[in-house]
Amino acid sequence: MKKILKITAALSVIAIATFGLAACGDTNDSDEAIVQEEGQVTAQEEPTEAYDIMEGVTTESVEGDQIITGNGWRLVMPDTEDWEIEQIEDDCFRVYMVAADKDGFGGDLVTIRAFASGDTEYKDFPSYAMAGYLEKYGKTFVAIFPTDVRFNPDDEGQMVLYNSLLEHVQRISKDNADSPFTVVAE
């Protein structure tokens, strides 16, 4: 009877661990759970280096531009207080228009996300551009653009400013020599 309980407990731990990984989006085909004779569960994982897209971020004003440099990337935006950057997850940040966000419309201009090498989840997004590849971490940067109204449509000034900022970030592409987002070789 004790052997059955140990195996049942071990299987429960495996099920909980598998569900937890799937819910967090951290499933990895190389992860394996091993049930040892004593009913203990151990995980064998490939070591991965953590990546924080905003680690060491700096800003600098140069000739009317705000240059933001992060962990392996650089973004050039107009030097105004009309927009801000917010980190969403370790591998992701958004650039948004402040006034539209305060009015409850989000103001999202672009989201930059670093996908693991081989991860093509971004292909499901309706509007995106490949922004670059960071070899050091094996990350593919993708610019994800909004597809709906993200500004207050009752405010004409906000609409004009939003469209101007959106036009600026929509130039992001690894194939555009004038892209405001670039990968920084280290």
Foldseek 3Di string as FASTA:
>chain_A
DVQVVLQVLLVVVVVVVVVVCVVVVNDDPQWDWDQDSRSDIDIDDDDADQAAFAPPWDWDDDPQWIWIDGDQKIFIAGPDPQWDKDADDRFKIFIAGPQLVVVPLQRTQKMKGWDAAPDPPVVPAPDKAFQDADPVRRTTIMIHGDDDDRGDPVDVVRVVVSVVRNVLQVQRYNPRPSHRMHGHHD
